N, C-alpha and C. Protein backbone atom coordinates (compact mmCIF):
# COMPACT_ATOMS: atom_id res chain seq x y z
N MET A 1 28.74 28.03 -24.95
CA MET A 1 27.34 27.76 -24.79
C MET A 1 27.11 26.60 -23.85
N GLU A 2 27.99 26.41 -22.87
CA GLU A 2 27.81 25.33 -21.92
C GLU A 2 26.63 25.58 -21.01
N GLY A 3 26.33 26.84 -20.67
CA GLY A 3 25.24 27.16 -19.76
C GLY A 3 23.88 27.08 -20.40
N ASN A 4 23.82 27.03 -21.71
CA ASN A 4 22.55 26.96 -22.42
C ASN A 4 22.05 25.52 -22.44
N GLN A 5 21.01 25.25 -21.65
CA GLN A 5 20.48 23.89 -21.55
C GLN A 5 19.28 23.74 -22.47
N ASP A 6 19.19 22.60 -23.11
CA ASP A 6 18.04 22.32 -23.97
C ASP A 6 16.79 22.21 -23.10
N LYS A 7 15.73 22.93 -23.45
CA LYS A 7 14.51 22.95 -22.63
C LYS A 7 13.70 21.68 -22.76
N LYS A 8 14.10 20.77 -23.64
CA LYS A 8 13.36 19.54 -23.82
C LYS A 8 13.86 18.41 -22.93
N THR A 9 14.91 18.64 -22.13
CA THR A 9 15.42 17.62 -21.23
C THR A 9 15.52 18.18 -19.83
N ASN A 10 15.49 17.29 -18.84
CA ASN A 10 15.64 17.67 -17.44
C ASN A 10 17.09 17.99 -17.13
N ASN A 11 17.34 18.37 -15.88
CA ASN A 11 18.70 18.67 -15.44
C ASN A 11 19.59 17.44 -15.46
N ASP A 12 19.01 16.24 -15.37
CA ASP A 12 19.84 15.04 -15.37
C ASP A 12 20.40 14.73 -16.75
N GLY A 13 19.91 15.42 -17.78
CA GLY A 13 20.51 15.33 -19.09
C GLY A 13 19.80 14.42 -20.07
N GLY A 14 19.17 13.33 -19.64
CA GLY A 14 18.63 12.39 -20.59
C GLY A 14 17.13 12.25 -20.63
N THR A 15 16.46 12.54 -19.54
CA THR A 15 15.02 12.32 -19.45
C THR A 15 14.27 13.51 -20.06
N PRO A 16 13.39 13.28 -21.01
CA PRO A 16 12.59 14.38 -21.56
C PRO A 16 11.65 14.95 -20.51
N VAL A 17 11.35 16.22 -20.61
CA VAL A 17 10.52 16.91 -19.63
C VAL A 17 9.09 16.36 -19.64
N TYR A 18 8.60 15.99 -20.81
CA TYR A 18 7.21 15.53 -20.89
C TYR A 18 6.97 14.26 -20.09
N VAL A 19 8.00 13.47 -19.82
CA VAL A 19 7.83 12.25 -19.03
C VAL A 19 7.39 12.59 -17.60
N LYS A 20 7.98 13.66 -17.03
CA LYS A 20 7.60 14.07 -15.68
C LYS A 20 6.15 14.53 -15.64
N TYR A 21 5.71 15.24 -16.67
CA TYR A 21 4.35 15.75 -16.67
C TYR A 21 3.33 14.67 -16.99
N ILE A 22 3.71 13.65 -17.70
CA ILE A 22 2.82 12.50 -17.90
C ILE A 22 2.61 11.79 -16.57
N GLY A 23 3.66 11.63 -15.80
CA GLY A 23 3.53 11.04 -14.46
C GLY A 23 2.67 11.88 -13.56
N LEU A 24 2.81 13.20 -13.64
CA LEU A 24 1.99 14.10 -12.84
C LEU A 24 0.52 13.99 -13.23
N ALA A 25 0.24 13.82 -14.52
CA ALA A 25 -1.15 13.66 -14.97
C ALA A 25 -1.77 12.40 -14.39
N PHE A 26 -1.01 11.31 -14.35
CA PHE A 26 -1.52 10.08 -13.75
C PHE A 26 -1.74 10.24 -12.25
N GLN A 27 -0.88 11.00 -11.57
CA GLN A 27 -1.08 11.26 -10.15
C GLN A 27 -2.37 12.05 -9.92
N LEU A 28 -2.59 13.07 -10.72
CA LEU A 28 -3.80 13.88 -10.58
C LEU A 28 -5.05 13.04 -10.83
N PHE A 29 -5.00 12.22 -11.87
CA PHE A 29 -6.12 11.33 -12.16
C PHE A 29 -6.35 10.36 -10.99
N GLY A 30 -5.30 9.83 -10.43
CA GLY A 30 -5.42 8.89 -9.31
C GLY A 30 -6.03 9.54 -8.08
N ILE A 31 -5.62 10.78 -7.78
CA ILE A 31 -6.17 11.49 -6.62
C ILE A 31 -7.67 11.73 -6.80
N ILE A 32 -8.05 12.20 -7.97
CA ILE A 32 -9.46 12.50 -8.23
C ILE A 32 -10.29 11.21 -8.25
N ALA A 33 -9.76 10.15 -8.84
CA ALA A 33 -10.48 8.88 -8.88
C ALA A 33 -10.64 8.29 -7.48
N ALA A 34 -9.59 8.37 -6.67
CA ALA A 34 -9.67 7.84 -5.30
C ALA A 34 -10.67 8.63 -4.46
N GLY A 35 -10.68 9.94 -4.60
CA GLY A 35 -11.63 10.77 -3.86
C GLY A 35 -13.06 10.50 -4.28
N THR A 36 -13.27 10.34 -5.57
CA THR A 36 -14.62 10.06 -6.07
C THR A 36 -15.09 8.68 -5.60
N TYR A 37 -14.20 7.70 -5.64
CA TYR A 37 -14.59 6.37 -5.17
C TYR A 37 -14.87 6.39 -3.67
N LEU A 38 -14.08 7.13 -2.90
CA LEU A 38 -14.34 7.24 -1.46
C LEU A 38 -15.72 7.84 -1.21
N GLY A 39 -16.07 8.88 -1.97
CA GLY A 39 -17.40 9.48 -1.83
C GLY A 39 -18.50 8.51 -2.21
N TYR A 40 -18.29 7.75 -3.27
CA TYR A 40 -19.27 6.74 -3.68
C TYR A 40 -19.44 5.69 -2.58
N TRP A 41 -18.34 5.23 -2.01
CA TRP A 41 -18.38 4.22 -0.96
C TRP A 41 -19.11 4.76 0.28
N LEU A 42 -18.81 6.01 0.65
CA LEU A 42 -19.49 6.61 1.80
C LEU A 42 -20.98 6.78 1.54
N ASP A 43 -21.35 7.14 0.32
CA ASP A 43 -22.77 7.25 -0.01
C ASP A 43 -23.49 5.91 0.07
N GLN A 44 -22.83 4.86 -0.36
CA GLN A 44 -23.43 3.53 -0.28
C GLN A 44 -23.61 3.11 1.17
N ARG A 45 -22.66 3.46 2.03
CA ARG A 45 -22.74 3.09 3.45
C ARG A 45 -23.76 3.92 4.21
N SER A 46 -23.91 5.20 3.85
CA SER A 46 -24.78 6.08 4.64
C SER A 46 -26.26 5.91 4.32
N GLY A 47 -26.58 5.55 3.08
CA GLY A 47 -27.97 5.34 2.71
C GLY A 47 -28.73 6.62 2.44
N ILE A 48 -28.05 7.75 2.33
CA ILE A 48 -28.71 9.02 2.01
C ILE A 48 -29.06 9.01 0.52
N LYS A 49 -30.26 9.50 0.19
CA LYS A 49 -30.70 9.48 -1.21
C LYS A 49 -29.91 10.48 -2.06
N PHE A 50 -29.62 11.66 -1.52
CA PHE A 50 -28.84 12.66 -2.26
C PHE A 50 -27.36 12.34 -2.10
N PRO A 51 -26.59 12.31 -3.19
CA PRO A 51 -25.18 11.90 -3.11
C PRO A 51 -24.25 13.00 -2.56
N VAL A 52 -24.43 13.31 -1.29
CA VAL A 52 -23.67 14.41 -0.70
C VAL A 52 -22.19 14.04 -0.54
N TRP A 53 -21.89 12.83 -0.16
CA TRP A 53 -20.49 12.44 0.07
C TRP A 53 -19.69 12.37 -1.23
N ILE A 54 -20.32 11.93 -2.29
CA ILE A 54 -19.58 11.87 -3.56
C ILE A 54 -19.26 13.29 -4.04
N LEU A 55 -20.17 14.23 -3.83
CA LEU A 55 -19.90 15.62 -4.21
C LEU A 55 -18.80 16.23 -3.36
N VAL A 56 -18.88 16.03 -2.05
CA VAL A 56 -17.87 16.59 -1.15
C VAL A 56 -16.49 16.00 -1.43
N CYS A 57 -16.41 14.70 -1.52
CA CYS A 57 -15.11 14.05 -1.74
C CYS A 57 -14.55 14.36 -3.12
N CYS A 58 -15.42 14.48 -4.10
CA CYS A 58 -14.97 14.80 -5.45
C CYS A 58 -14.38 16.22 -5.49
N PHE A 59 -15.07 17.19 -4.90
CA PHE A 59 -14.55 18.56 -4.89
C PHE A 59 -13.27 18.68 -4.06
N VAL A 60 -13.20 17.98 -2.94
CA VAL A 60 -11.99 18.03 -2.13
C VAL A 60 -10.82 17.39 -2.87
N SER A 61 -11.07 16.28 -3.55
CA SER A 61 -9.98 15.63 -4.28
C SER A 61 -9.51 16.47 -5.47
N VAL A 62 -10.43 17.17 -6.13
CA VAL A 62 -10.02 18.07 -7.22
C VAL A 62 -9.18 19.21 -6.65
N PHE A 63 -9.58 19.76 -5.51
CA PHE A 63 -8.79 20.82 -4.87
C PHE A 63 -7.39 20.31 -4.51
N VAL A 64 -7.30 19.12 -3.93
CA VAL A 64 -6.00 18.55 -3.57
C VAL A 64 -5.16 18.30 -4.81
N ALA A 65 -5.76 17.83 -5.89
CA ALA A 65 -5.02 17.57 -7.12
C ALA A 65 -4.48 18.87 -7.72
N PHE A 66 -5.29 19.92 -7.75
CA PHE A 66 -4.81 21.19 -8.28
C PHE A 66 -3.76 21.82 -7.37
N TYR A 67 -3.88 21.62 -6.07
CA TYR A 67 -2.85 22.11 -5.15
C TYR A 67 -1.52 21.40 -5.42
N GLN A 68 -1.57 20.10 -5.63
CA GLN A 68 -0.35 19.36 -5.94
C GLN A 68 0.24 19.82 -7.27
N LEU A 69 -0.61 20.08 -8.26
CA LEU A 69 -0.15 20.59 -9.54
C LEU A 69 0.51 21.95 -9.37
N TRP A 70 -0.11 22.83 -8.59
CA TRP A 70 0.45 24.16 -8.33
C TRP A 70 1.81 24.06 -7.65
N MET A 71 1.94 23.19 -6.66
CA MET A 71 3.21 23.06 -5.94
C MET A 71 4.29 22.50 -6.86
N GLN A 72 3.94 21.59 -7.75
CA GLN A 72 4.92 21.01 -8.67
C GLN A 72 5.39 22.06 -9.68
N ILE A 73 4.47 22.85 -10.21
CA ILE A 73 4.84 23.89 -11.17
C ILE A 73 5.68 24.96 -10.48
N LYS A 74 5.31 25.29 -9.26
CA LYS A 74 6.07 26.30 -8.50
C LYS A 74 7.49 25.80 -8.21
N GLN A 75 7.64 24.52 -7.95
CA GLN A 75 8.94 23.93 -7.67
C GLN A 75 9.82 23.91 -8.93
N ASP A 76 9.22 23.76 -10.10
CA ASP A 76 9.97 23.67 -11.35
C ASP A 76 10.55 24.99 -11.80
N LYS A 77 10.00 26.10 -11.35
CA LYS A 77 10.49 27.41 -11.79
C LYS A 77 11.81 27.75 -11.23
């Protein structure tokens, strides 16, 4: 049973799998927070009453975060 690897650890043998996904969650949160803040900053600079930049940057950052999540899951298979 040498080829049977425990699914709760990575290939390196000691690190639990959930540690990698906790780090990925913080990355996704950071991307979305940075995009939202960028949109807020652009809205403050532009002076437009409707928050168009915060909406655009928020949606783009969510798309980028989900793309990164998709690529990470695809790489793990």
